[in-house]
All heavy atoms as atom14 arrays in JSON, in Angstrom:
{
  "sequence": "FADEAYCIGPAPARESYLNMRAVLSAAAVSGAQAIHPGYG",
  "atom14_mask": [
    [1, 1, 1, 1, 1, 1, 1, 1, 1, 1, 1, 0, 0, 0],
    [1, 1, 1, 1, 1, 0, 0, 0, 0, 0, 0, 0, 0, 0],
    [1, 1, 1, 1, 1, 1, 1, 1, 0, 0, 0, 0, 0, 0],
    [1, 1, 1, 1, 1, 1, 1, 1, 1, 0, 0, 0, 0, 0],
    [1, 1, 1, 1, 1, 0, 0, 0, 0, 0, 0, 0, 0, 0],
    [1, 1, 1, 1, 1, 1, 1, 1, 1, 1, 1, 1, 0, 0],
    [1, 1, 1, 1, 1, 1, 0, 0, 0, 0, 0, 0, 0, 0],
    [1, 1, 1, 1, 1, 1, 1, 1, 0, 0, 0, 0, 0, 0],
    [1, 1, 1, 1, 0, 0, 0, 0, 0, 0, 0, 0, 0, 0],
    [1, 1, 1, 1, 1, 1, 1, 0, 0, 0, 0, 0, 0, 0],
    [1, 1, 1, 1, 1, 0, 0, 0, 0, 0, 0, 0, 0, 0],
    [1, 1, 1, 1, 1, 1, 1, 0, 0, 0, 0, 0, 0, 0],
    [1, 1, 1, 1, 1, 0, 0, 0, 0, 0, 0, 0, 0, 0],
    [1, 1, 1, 1, 1, 1, 1, 1, 1, 1, 1, 0, 0, 0],
    [1, 1, 1, 1, 1, 1, 1, 1, 1, 0, 0, 0, 0, 0],
    [1, 1, 1, 1, 1, 1, 0, 0, 0, 0, 0, 0, 0, 0],
    [1, 1, 1, 1, 1, 1, 1, 1, 1, 1, 1, 1, 0, 0],
    [1, 1, 1, 1, 1, 1, 1, 1, 0, 0, 0, 0, 0, 0],
    [1, 1, 1, 1, 1, 1, 1, 1, 0, 0, 0, 0, 0, 0],
    [1, 1, 1, 1, 1, 1, 1, 1, 0, 0, 0, 0, 0, 0],
    [1, 1, 1, 1, 1, 1, 1, 1, 1, 1, 1, 0, 0, 0],
    [1, 1, 1, 1, 1, 0, 0, 0, 0, 0, 0, 0, 0, 0],
    [1, 1, 1, 1, 1, 1, 1, 0, 0, 0, 0, 0, 0, 0],
    [1, 1, 1, 1, 1, 1, 1, 1, 0, 0, 0, 0, 0, 0],
    [1, 1, 1, 1, 1, 1, 0, 0, 0, 0, 0, 0, 0, 0],
    [1, 1, 1, 1, 1, 0, 0, 0, 0, 0, 0, 0, 0, 0],
    [1, 1, 1, 1, 1, 0, 0, 0, 0, 0, 0, 0, 0, 0],
    [1, 1, 1, 1, 1, 0, 0, 0, 0, 0, 0, 0, 0, 0],
    [1, 1, 1, 1, 1, 1, 1, 0, 0, 0, 0, 0, 0, 0],
    [1, 1, 1, 1, 1, 1, 0, 0, 0, 0, 0, 0, 0, 0],
    [1, 1, 1, 1, 0, 0, 0, 0, 0, 0, 0, 0, 0, 0],
    [1, 1, 1, 1, 1, 0, 0, 0, 0, 0, 0, 0, 0, 0],
    [1, 1, 1, 1, 1, 1, 1, 1, 1, 0, 0, 0, 0, 0],
    [1, 1, 1, 1, 1, 0, 0, 0, 0, 0, 0, 0, 0, 0],
    [1, 1, 1, 1, 1, 1, 1, 1, 0, 0, 0, 0, 0, 0],
    [1, 1, 1, 1, 1, 1, 1, 1, 1, 1, 0, 0, 0, 0],
    [1, 1, 1, 1, 1, 1, 1, 0, 0, 0, 0, 0, 0, 0],
    [1, 1, 1, 1, 0, 0, 0, 0, 0, 0, 0, 0, 0, 0],
    [1, 1, 1, 1, 1, 1, 1, 1, 1, 1, 1, 1, 0, 0],
    [1, 1, 1, 1, 0, 0, 0, 0, 0, 0, 0, 0, 0, 0]
  ],
  "atom14_positions": [
    [[0.81, -1.22, 0.0], [0.0, 0.0, 0.0], [0.84, 1.27, 0.0], [0.41, 2.3, -0.51], [-0.91, 0.01, 1.24], [-2.23, -0.68, 1.03], [-2.45, -1.51, -0.06], [-3.26, -0.51, 1.94], [-3.66, -2.15, -0.25], [-4.49, -1.14, 1.77], [-4.68, -1.97, 0.67], [0.0, 0.0, 0.0], [0.0, 0.0, 0.0], [0.0, 0.0, 0.0]],
    [[2.03, 1.22, 0.6], [2.82, 2.43, 0.77], [3.47, 2.88, -0.54], [3.68, 2.09, -1.46], [3.9, 2.19, 1.82], [0.0, 0.0, 0.0], [0.0, 0.0, 0.0], [0.0, 0.0, 0.0], [0.0, 0.0, 0.0], [0.0, 0.0, 0.0], [0.0, 0.0, 0.0], [0.0, 0.0, 0.0], [0.0, 0.0, 0.0], [0.0, 0.0, 0.0]],
    [[3.8, 4.16, -0.61], [4.48, 4.69, -1.79], [5.93, 4.2, -1.86], [6.48, 4.0, -2.94], [4.48, 6.23, -1.75], [3.06, 6.79, -1.8], [2.26, 6.33, -2.63], [2.75, 7.69, -0.99], [0.0, 0.0, 0.0], [0.0, 0.0, 0.0], [0.0, 0.0, 0.0], [0.0, 0.0, 0.0], [0.0, 0.0, 0.0], [0.0, 0.0, 0.0]],
    [[6.55, 3.99, -0.69], [7.91, 3.46, -0.6], [7.95, 2.46, 0.55], [7.17, 2.58, 1.5], [8.93, 4.57, -0.29], [8.96, 5.71, -1.26], [9.86, 6.84, -0.79], [11.01, 6.56, -0.37], [9.41, 8.0, -0.8], [0.0, 0.0, 0.0], [0.0, 0.0, 0.0], [0.0, 0.0, 0.0], [0.0, 0.0, 0.0], [0.0, 0.0, 0.0]],
    [[8.84, 1.49, 0.47], [8.96, 0.51, 1.53], [10.42, 0.11, 1.7], [11.14, -0.07, 0.71], [8.1, -0.72, 1.25], [0.0, 0.0, 0.0], [0.0, 0.0, 0.0], [0.0, 0.0, 0.0], [0.0, 0.0, 0.0], [0.0, 0.0, 0.0], [0.0, 0.0, 0.0], [0.0, 0.0, 0.0], [0.0, 0.0, 0.0], [0.0, 0.0, 0.0]],
    [[10.85, -0.06, 2.94], [12.23, -0.4, 3.26], [12.28, -1.57, 4.24], [11.63, -1.53, 5.29], [12.95, 0.81, 3.88], [13.06, 1.98, 2.94], [12.01, 2.89, 2.8], [14.2, 2.18, 2.16], [12.09, 3.96, 1.94], [14.29, 3.25, 1.29], [13.23, 4.14, 1.18], [13.32, 5.2, 0.31], [0.0, 0.0, 0.0], [0.0, 0.0, 0.0]],
    [[13.06, -2.58, 3.9], [13.28, -3.7, 4.81], [14.26, -3.26, 5.88], [15.34, -2.73, 5.57], [13.82, -4.92, 4.06], [14.04, -6.37, 5.13], [0.0, 0.0, 0.0], [0.0, 0.0, 0.0], [0.0, 0.0, 0.0], [0.0, 0.0, 0.0], [0.0, 0.0, 0.0], [0.0, 0.0, 0.0], [0.0, 0.0, 0.0], [0.0, 0.0, 0.0]],
    [[13.89, -3.47, 7.15], [14.74, -2.97, 8.24], [15.3, -4.09, 9.13], [15.86, -3.79, 10.18], [13.98, -1.95, 9.11], [12.67, -2.55, 9.63], [13.73, -0.67, 8.33], [11.97, -1.67, 10.66], [0.0, 0.0, 0.0], [0.0, 0.0, 0.0], [0.0, 0.0, 0.0], [0.0, 0.0, 0.0], [0.0, 0.0, 0.0], [0.0, 0.0, 0.0]],
    [[15.17, -5.36, 8.68], [15.79, -6.41, 9.48], [15.08, -7.74, 9.43], [14.06, -7.89, 8.75], [0.0, 0.0, 0.0], [0.0, 0.0, 0.0], [0.0, 0.0, 0.0], [0.0, 0.0, 0.0], [0.0, 0.0, 0.0], [0.0, 0.0, 0.0], [0.0, 0.0, 0.0], [0.0, 0.0, 0.0], [0.0, 0.0, 0.0], [0.0, 0.0, 0.0]],
    [[15.6, -8.71, 10.16], [15.02, -10.06, 10.2], [13.66, -10.07, 10.9], [13.2, -9.05, 11.42], [16.06, -10.86, 11.0], [17.29, -10.04, 11.0], [16.85, -8.62, 10.93], [0.0, 0.0, 0.0], [0.0, 0.0, 0.0], [0.0, 0.0, 0.0], [0.0, 0.0, 0.0], [0.0, 0.0, 0.0], [0.0, 0.0, 0.0], [0.0, 0.0, 0.0]],
    [[13.05, -11.25, 10.95], [11.7, -11.41, 11.48], [11.52, -10.95, 12.93], [10.54, -10.26, 13.23], [11.24, -12.86, 11.32], [0.0, 0.0, 0.0], [0.0, 0.0, 0.0], [0.0, 0.0, 0.0], [0.0, 0.0, 0.0], [0.0, 0.0, 0.0], [0.0, 0.0, 0.0], [0.0, 0.0, 0.0], [0.0, 0.0, 0.0], [0.0, 0.0, 0.0]],
    [[12.41, -11.31, 13.86], [12.18, -10.91, 15.25], [12.01, -9.39, 15.39], [12.79, -8.62, 14.82], [13.44, -11.4, 15.98], [13.93, -12.54, 15.15], [13.64, -12.13, 13.73], [0.0, 0.0, 0.0], [0.0, 0.0, 0.0], [0.0, 0.0, 0.0], [0.0, 0.0, 0.0], [0.0, 0.0, 0.0], [0.0, 0.0, 0.0], [0.0, 0.0, 0.0]],
    [[10.98, -8.98, 16.13], [10.68, -7.54, 16.24], [11.85, -6.75, 16.8], [12.1, -5.61, 16.38], [9.44, -7.35, 17.11], [0.0, 0.0, 0.0], [0.0, 0.0, 0.0], [0.0, 0.0, 0.0], [0.0, 0.0, 0.0], [0.0, 0.0, 0.0], [0.0, 0.0, 0.0], [0.0, 0.0, 0.0], [0.0, 0.0, 0.0], [0.0, 0.0, 0.0]],
    [[12.58, -7.33, 17.73], [13.71, -6.6, 18.33], [14.8, -6.29, 17.31], [15.59, -5.37, 17.52], [14.29, -7.38, 19.51], [14.95, -8.69, 19.13], [15.52, -9.44, 20.33], [16.13, -10.7, 19.95], [15.48, -11.83, 19.75], [14.16, -11.86, 19.91], [16.11, -12.94, 19.41], [0.0, 0.0, 0.0], [0.0, 0.0, 0.0], [0.0, 0.0, 0.0]],
    [[14.84, -7.05, 16.22], [15.85, -6.83, 15.2], [15.31, -6.05, 14.01], [16.05, -5.77, 13.07], [16.41, -8.18, 14.71], [17.07, -9.0, 15.8], [17.55, -10.36, 15.3], [18.02, -10.44, 14.15], [17.43, -11.35, 16.04], [0.0, 0.0, 0.0], [0.0, 0.0, 0.0], [0.0, 0.0, 0.0], [0.0, 0.0, 0.0], [0.0, 0.0, 0.0]],
    [[14.05, -5.68, 14.06], [13.45, -4.94, 12.95], [12.57, -3.8, 13.45], [13.03, -2.66, 13.56], [12.66, -5.9, 12.04], [11.74, -6.68, 12.8], [0.0, 0.0, 0.0], [0.0, 0.0, 0.0], [0.0, 0.0, 0.0], [0.0, 0.0, 0.0], [0.0, 0.0, 0.0], [0.0, 0.0, 0.0], [0.0, 0.0, 0.0], [0.0, 0.0, 0.0]],
    [[11.34, -4.1, 13.81], [10.4, -3.04, 14.18], [10.8, -2.3, 15.46], [10.38, -1.15, 15.66], [8.99, -3.61, 14.32], [8.45, -4.16, 13.02], [8.32, -5.53, 12.83], [8.09, -3.3, 11.98], [7.83, -6.04, 11.64], [7.6, -3.8, 10.78], [7.48, -5.17, 10.61], [7.01, -5.67, 9.42], [0.0, 0.0, 0.0], [0.0, 0.0, 0.0]],
    [[11.58, -2.93, 16.33], [12.05, -2.28, 17.55], [13.48, -1.74, 17.4], [14.04, -1.21, 18.37], [11.98, -3.25, 18.73], [10.57, -3.65, 19.18], [10.64, -4.74, 20.25], [9.8, -2.45, 19.7], [0.0, 0.0, 0.0], [0.0, 0.0, 0.0], [0.0, 0.0, 0.0], [0.0, 0.0, 0.0], [0.0, 0.0, 0.0], [0.0, 0.0, 0.0]],
    [[14.04, -1.86, 16.22], [15.39, -1.38, 15.95], [15.32, 0.11, 15.61], [15.06, 0.5, 14.47], [16.01, -2.17, 14.8], [17.45, -1.82, 14.55], [17.9, -0.71, 14.85], [18.2, -2.76, 13.98], [0.0, 0.0, 0.0], [0.0, 0.0, 0.0], [0.0, 0.0, 0.0], [0.0, 0.0, 0.0], [0.0, 0.0, 0.0], [0.0, 0.0, 0.0]],
    [[15.54, 0.96, 16.6], [15.39, 2.4, 16.42], [16.31, 2.94, 15.33], [15.92, 3.8, 14.53], [15.64, 3.13, 17.74], [14.69, 2.76, 18.85], [15.03, 3.75, 20.33], [14.37, 2.67, 21.6], [0.0, 0.0, 0.0], [0.0, 0.0, 0.0], [0.0, 0.0, 0.0], [0.0, 0.0, 0.0], [0.0, 0.0, 0.0], [0.0, 0.0, 0.0]],
    [[17.55, 2.46, 15.34], [18.51, 2.94, 14.34], [18.02, 2.64, 12.92], [18.1, 3.48, 12.03], [19.88, 2.31, 14.58], [20.98, 2.79, 13.63], [22.26, 2.01, 13.85], [22.79, 2.23, 15.17], [23.61, 3.22, 15.49], [23.98, 4.09, 14.54], [24.08, 3.35, 16.71], [0.0, 0.0, 0.0], [0.0, 0.0, 0.0], [0.0, 0.0, 0.0]],
    [[17.48, 1.43, 12.73], [17.02, 1.04, 11.4], [15.81, 1.86, 10.97], [15.71, 2.29, 9.82], [16.66, -0.45, 11.39], [0.0, 0.0, 0.0], [0.0, 0.0, 0.0], [0.0, 0.0, 0.0], [0.0, 0.0, 0.0], [0.0, 0.0, 0.0], [0.0, 0.0, 0.0], [0.0, 0.0, 0.0], [0.0, 0.0, 0.0], [0.0, 0.0, 0.0]],
    [[14.88, 2.1, 11.9], [13.68, 2.89, 11.58], [14.07, 4.32, 11.23], [13.6, 4.89, 10.24], [12.69, 2.86, 12.76], [11.53, 3.83, 12.5], [12.15, 1.46, 12.99], [0.0, 0.0, 0.0], [0.0, 0.0, 0.0], [0.0, 0.0, 0.0], [0.0, 0.0, 0.0], [0.0, 0.0, 0.0], [0.0, 0.0, 0.0], [0.0, 0.0, 0.0]],
    [[14.94, 4.91, 12.05], [15.35, 6.3, 11.79], [16.17, 6.4, 10.51], [16.07, 7.41, 9.78], [16.14, 6.83, 12.98], [15.31, 7.07, 14.25], [16.22, 7.32, 15.45], [14.35, 8.23, 14.05], [0.0, 0.0, 0.0], [0.0, 0.0, 0.0], [0.0, 0.0, 0.0], [0.0, 0.0, 0.0], [0.0, 0.0, 0.0], [0.0, 0.0, 0.0]],
    [[16.95, 5.38, 10.21], [17.71, 5.39, 8.95], [16.77, 5.37, 7.75], [17.0, 6.07, 6.75], [18.66, 4.18, 8.9], [19.65, 4.26, 9.9], [0.0, 0.0, 0.0], [0.0, 0.0, 0.0], [0.0, 0.0, 0.0], [0.0, 0.0, 0.0], [0.0, 0.0, 0.0], [0.0, 0.0, 0.0], [0.0, 0.0, 0.0], [0.0, 0.0, 0.0]],
    [[15.7, 4.56, 7.85], [14.72, 4.51, 6.76], [14.04, 5.86, 6.59], [13.78, 6.3, 5.46], [13.69, 3.42, 7.04], [0.0, 0.0, 0.0], [0.0, 0.0, 0.0], [0.0, 0.0, 0.0], [0.0, 0.0, 0.0], [0.0, 0.0, 0.0], [0.0, 0.0, 0.0], [0.0, 0.0, 0.0], [0.0, 0.0, 0.0], [0.0, 0.0, 0.0]],
    [[13.77, 6.53, 7.69], [13.16, 7.86, 7.61], [14.11, 8.85, 6.94], [13.69, 9.65, 6.09], [12.78, 8.34, 9.01], [0.0, 0.0, 0.0], [0.0, 0.0, 0.0], [0.0, 0.0, 0.0], [0.0, 0.0, 0.0], [0.0, 0.0, 0.0], [0.0, 0.0, 0.0], [0.0, 0.0, 0.0], [0.0, 0.0, 0.0], [0.0, 0.0, 0.0]],
    [[15.39, 8.77, 7.3], [16.37, 9.7, 6.72], [16.55, 9.44, 5.23], [16.58, 10.39, 4.42], [17.7, 9.55, 7.46], [0.0, 0.0, 0.0], [0.0, 0.0, 0.0], [0.0, 0.0, 0.0], [0.0, 0.0, 0.0], [0.0, 0.0, 0.0], [0.0, 0.0, 0.0], [0.0, 0.0, 0.0], [0.0, 0.0, 0.0], [0.0, 0.0, 0.0]],
    [[16.67, 8.17, 4.85], [16.88, 7.83, 3.44], [15.68, 8.23, 2.59], [15.82, 8.72, 1.47], [17.16, 6.31, 3.31], [17.12, 5.88, 1.84], [18.51, 5.97, 3.92], [0.0, 0.0, 0.0], [0.0, 0.0, 0.0], [0.0, 0.0, 0.0], [0.0, 0.0, 0.0], [0.0, 0.0, 0.0], [0.0, 0.0, 0.0], [0.0, 0.0, 0.0]],
    [[14.48, 8.03, 3.14], [13.26, 8.32, 2.37], [12.89, 9.79, 2.37], [12.08, 10.24, 1.55], [12.09, 7.52, 2.95], [11.77, 7.96, 4.26], [0.0, 0.0, 0.0], [0.0, 0.0, 0.0], [0.0, 0.0, 0.0], [0.0, 0.0, 0.0], [0.0, 0.0, 0.0], [0.0, 0.0, 0.0], [0.0, 0.0, 0.0], [0.0, 0.0, 0.0]],
    [[13.45, 10.55, 3.3], [13.09, 11.96, 3.41], [11.78, 12.18, 4.13], [11.18, 13.26, 4.02], [0.0, 0.0, 0.0], [0.0, 0.0, 0.0], [0.0, 0.0, 0.0], [0.0, 0.0, 0.0], [0.0, 0.0, 0.0], [0.0, 0.0, 0.0], [0.0, 0.0, 0.0], [0.0, 0.0, 0.0], [0.0, 0.0, 0.0], [0.0, 0.0, 0.0]],
    [[11.34, 11.19, 4.92], [10.1, 11.35, 5.69], [10.29, 12.44, 6.74], [11.31, 12.49, 7.42], [9.72, 10.03, 6.34], [0.0, 0.0, 0.0], [0.0, 0.0, 0.0], [0.0, 0.0, 0.0], [0.0, 0.0, 0.0], [0.0, 0.0, 0.0], [0.0, 0.0, 0.0], [0.0, 0.0, 0.0], [0.0, 0.0, 0.0], [0.0, 0.0, 0.0]],
    [[9.29, 13.29, 6.87], [9.37, 14.37, 7.85], [8.82, 13.98, 9.21], [9.09, 14.65, 10.21], [8.58, 15.58, 7.34], [9.05, 16.11, 6.01], [7.94, 16.89, 5.33], [6.93, 16.34, 4.91], [8.13, 18.19, 5.24], [0.0, 0.0, 0.0], [0.0, 0.0, 0.0], [0.0, 0.0, 0.0], [0.0, 0.0, 0.0], [0.0, 0.0, 0.0]],
    [[8.04, 12.91, 9.23], [7.39, 12.51, 10.47], [7.28, 10.99, 10.53], [7.3, 10.32, 9.5], [6.0, 13.14, 10.59], [0.0, 0.0, 0.0], [0.0, 0.0, 0.0], [0.0, 0.0, 0.0], [0.0, 0.0, 0.0], [0.0, 0.0, 0.0], [0.0, 0.0, 0.0], [0.0, 0.0, 0.0], [0.0, 0.0, 0.0], [0.0, 0.0, 0.0]],
    [[7.16, 10.47, 11.76], [6.98, 9.04, 11.98], [5.73, 8.81, 12.81], [5.57, 9.41, 13.89], [8.19, 8.42, 12.71], [9.42, 8.44, 11.81], [7.88, 6.99, 13.17], [10.68, 7.9, 12.47], [0.0, 0.0, 0.0], [0.0, 0.0, 0.0], [0.0, 0.0, 0.0], [0.0, 0.0, 0.0], [0.0, 0.0, 0.0], [0.0, 0.0, 0.0]],
    [[4.83, 7.98, 12.29], [3.66, 7.56, 13.06], [3.96, 6.17, 13.63], [4.17, 5.23, 12.86], [2.4, 7.52, 12.19], [1.13, 7.44, 12.98], [0.89, 6.41, 13.88], [0.04, 8.24, 13.03], [-0.29, 6.61, 14.44], [-0.83, 7.7, 13.95], [0.0, 0.0, 0.0], [0.0, 0.0, 0.0], [0.0, 0.0, 0.0], [0.0, 0.0, 0.0]],
    [[3.95, 6.01, 14.96], [4.36, 4.72, 15.53], [3.23, 3.71, 15.68], [3.49, 2.58, 16.1], [4.89, 5.14, 16.9], [4.0, 6.3, 17.28], [3.73, 7.03, 16.0], [0.0, 0.0, 0.0], [0.0, 0.0, 0.0], [0.0, 0.0, 0.0], [0.0, 0.0, 0.0], [0.0, 0.0, 0.0], [0.0, 0.0, 0.0], [0.0, 0.0, 0.0]],
    [[1.97, 4.1, 15.38], [0.86, 3.18, 15.56], [0.64, 2.89, 17.03], [0.67, 3.79, 17.87], [0.0, 0.0, 0.0], [0.0, 0.0, 0.0], [0.0, 0.0, 0.0], [0.0, 0.0, 0.0], [0.0, 0.0, 0.0], [0.0, 0.0, 0.0], [0.0, 0.0, 0.0], [0.0, 0.0, 0.0], [0.0, 0.0, 0.0], [0.0, 0.0, 0.0]],
    [[0.42, 1.61, 17.37], [0.34, 1.21, 18.78], [1.3, 0.05, 19.0], [1.71, -0.64, 18.07], [-1.09, 0.85, 19.2], [-1.78, -0.18, 18.33], [-1.36, -1.51, 18.29], [-2.88, 0.18, 17.56], [-2.0, -2.45, 17.5], [-3.54, -0.76, 16.76], [-3.1, -2.06, 16.75], [-3.73, -2.99, 15.95], [0.0, 0.0, 0.0], [0.0, 0.0, 0.0]],
    [[1.67, -0.19, 20.27], [2.67, -1.22, 20.54], [4.03, -0.79, 20.02], [4.27, 0.37, 19.7], [0.0, 0.0, 0.0], [0.0, 0.0, 0.0], [0.0, 0.0, 0.0], [0.0, 0.0, 0.0], [0.0, 0.0, 0.0], [0.0, 0.0, 0.0], [0.0, 0.0, 0.0], [0.0, 0.0, 0.0], [0.0, 0.0, 0.0], [0.0, 0.0, 0.0]]
  ]
}
């Protein structure tokens, strides 16, 4: 659904969705101005 998508790590959440460095790097590379964290 998204206009752009970036893989940020392996399956375990701690190595991907909870990896702050990876999330922020994806934001920087994509030029996103804001991050919506959803819930959890």
